[in-house]
Amino acid sequence: GIFCGISGGATVATALEVCRSAPKGSVVLAMIPDTAERYLSTPLFASVPAEISAEEQEIGGSTETAIHAS
């Protein structure tokens, strides 16, 4: 999924539509300037803990460019 708001989702949907008719080999960029932080305080995320678990920390460190590095 893409963690963003409605306008960011619309941007991605539009980019995908452009890709359907773009010539093969084209490069399409869709910029989504939305961190969606404001959605974290809504009831939708009420059951999600604020801190990441040890397992999530391990997964975050397993990528080539580690995220959530200590």
C-alpha atoms as a PDB file:
ATOM      1  CA  GLY A   1       0.000   0.000   0.000  1.00  0.00           C
ATOM      2  CA  ILE A   2       0.863   3.635  -0.211  1.00  0.00           C
ATOM      3  CA  PHE A   3       0.541   5.543   3.052  1.00  0.00           C
ATOM      4  CA  CYS A   4      -0.921   8.834   1.867  1.00  0.00           C
ATOM      5  CA  GLY A   5      -4.139  10.797   1.674  1.00  0.00           C
ATOM      6  CA  ILE A   6      -6.850  10.837  -0.960  1.00  0.00           C
ATOM      7  CA  SER A   7      -5.086  13.318  -3.243  1.00  0.00           C
ATOM      8  CA  GLY A   8      -1.889  11.231  -3.146  1.00  0.00           C
ATOM      9  CA  GLY A   9      -3.890   8.140  -4.063  1.00  0.00           C
ATOM     10  CA  ALA A  10      -5.483  10.042  -6.936  1.00  0.00           C
ATOM     11  CA  THR A  11      -2.011  11.050  -8.120  1.00  0.00           C
ATOM     12  CA  VAL A  12      -0.882   7.418  -8.210  1.00  0.00           C
ATOM     13  CA  ALA A  13      -4.097   6.314  -9.939  1.00  0.00           C
ATOM     14  CA  THR A  14      -3.583   8.976 -12.603  1.00  0.00           C
ATOM     15  CA  ALA A  15       0.051   7.961 -13.100  1.00  0.00           C
ATOM     16  CA  LEU A  16      -1.026   4.341 -13.564  1.00  0.00           C
ATOM     17  CA  GLU A  17      -3.583   5.454 -16.136  1.00  0.00           C
ATOM     18  CA  VAL A  18      -0.876   7.416 -17.997  1.00  0.00           C
ATOM     19  CA  CYS A  19       1.339   4.292 -17.931  1.00  0.00           C
ATOM     20  CA  ARG A  20      -1.330   2.283 -19.722  1.00  0.00           C
ATOM     21  CA  SER A  21      -1.086   4.495 -22.798  1.00  0.00           C
ATOM     22  CA  ALA A  22       2.565   5.624 -22.579  1.00  0.00           C
ATOM     23  CA  PRO A  23       5.035   4.227 -25.121  1.00  0.00           C
ATOM     24  CA  LYS A  24       7.019   1.203 -23.962  1.00  0.00           C
ATOM     25  CA  GLY A  25      10.114   2.254 -22.030  1.00  0.00           C
ATOM     26  CA  SER A  26       8.611   5.541 -20.864  1.00  0.00           C
ATOM     27  CA  VAL A  27       9.394   6.831 -17.391  1.00  0.00           C
ATOM     28  CA  VAL A  28       6.477   8.204 -15.398  1.00  0.00           C
ATOM     29  CA  LEU A  29       6.976  10.055 -12.110  1.00  0.00           C
ATOM     30  CA  ALA A  30       4.208  10.564  -9.572  1.00  0.00           C
ATOM     31  CA  MET A  31       5.215  12.739  -6.623  1.00  0.00           C
ATOM     32  CA  ILE A  32       3.196  12.288  -3.454  1.00  0.00           C
ATOM     33  CA  PRO A  33       4.076  15.106  -1.039  1.00  0.00           C
ATOM     34  CA  ASP A  34       2.164  13.583   1.876  1.00  0.00           C
ATOM     35  CA  THR A  35       3.579  11.752   4.890  1.00  0.00           C
ATOM     36  CA  ALA A  36       0.030  10.970   6.062  1.00  0.00           C
ATOM     37  CA  GLU A  37       1.132  11.611   9.663  1.00  0.00           C
ATOM     38  CA  ARG A  38      -2.155  13.285  10.503  1.00  0.00           C
ATOM     39  CA  TYR A  39      -4.024  10.036   9.851  1.00  0.00           C
ATOM     40  CA  LEU A  40      -2.107   8.249  12.637  1.00  0.00           C
ATOM     41  CA  SER A  41      -4.172  10.069  15.294  1.00  0.00           C
ATOM     42  CA  THR A  42      -7.514   8.924  13.848  1.00  0.00           C
ATOM     43  CA  PRO A  43      -9.541   5.923  15.117  1.00  0.00           C
ATOM     44  CA  LEU A  44      -8.327   3.965  12.087  1.00  0.00           C
ATOM     45  CA  PHE A  45      -4.900   3.594  13.742  1.00  0.00           C
ATOM     46  CA  ALA A  46      -6.025   3.484  17.394  1.00  0.00           C
ATOM     47  CA  SER A  47      -4.854  -0.123  17.826  1.00  0.00           C
ATOM     48  CA  VAL A  48      -1.402   0.460  16.310  1.00  0.00           C
ATOM     49  CA  PRO A  49       1.313   0.900  18.963  1.00  0.00           C
ATOM     50  CA  ALA A  50       3.333   4.120  18.861  1.00  0.00           C
ATOM     51  CA  GLU A  51       6.675   2.325  19.245  1.00  0.00           C
ATOM     52  CA  ILE A  52       8.052  -0.255  16.829  1.00  0.00           C
ATOM     53  CA  SER A  53       8.698  -3.788  18.038  1.00  0.00           C
ATOM     54  CA  ALA A  54      12.051  -5.598  18.019  1.00  0.00           C
ATOM     55  CA  GLU A  55      10.832  -7.616  15.018  1.00  0.00           C
ATOM     56  CA  GLU A  56       9.926  -4.429  13.103  1.00  0.00           C
ATOM     57  CA  GLN A  57      13.317  -2.954  14.041  1.00  0.00           C
ATOM     58  CA  GLU A  58      15.049  -6.055  12.650  1.00  0.00           C
ATOM     59  CA  ILE A  59      13.040  -5.884   9.412  1.00  0.00           C
ATOM     60  CA  GLY A  60      13.825  -2.170   9.059  1.00  0.00           C
ATOM     61  CA  GLY A  61      17.542  -2.894   9.422  1.00  0.00           C
ATOM     62  CA  SER A  62      17.480  -5.685   6.870  1.00  0.00           C
ATOM     63  CA  THR A  63      17.203  -3.445   3.825  1.00  0.00           C
ATOM     64  CA  GLU A  64      20.151  -2.195   1.803  1.00  0.00           C
ATOM     65  CA  THR A  65      19.412   1.301   3.101  1.00  0.00           C
ATOM     66  CA  ALA A  66      18.451   0.593   6.699  1.00  0.00           C
ATOM     67  CA  ILE A  67      15.418   2.387   8.061  1.00  0.00           C
ATOM     68  CA  HIS A  68      14.796   3.011  11.750  1.00  0.00           C
ATOM     69  CA  ALA A  69      18.524   2.648  12.379  1.00  0.00           C
ATOM     70  CA  SER A  70      19.537   2.903  16.023  1.00  0.00           C
END
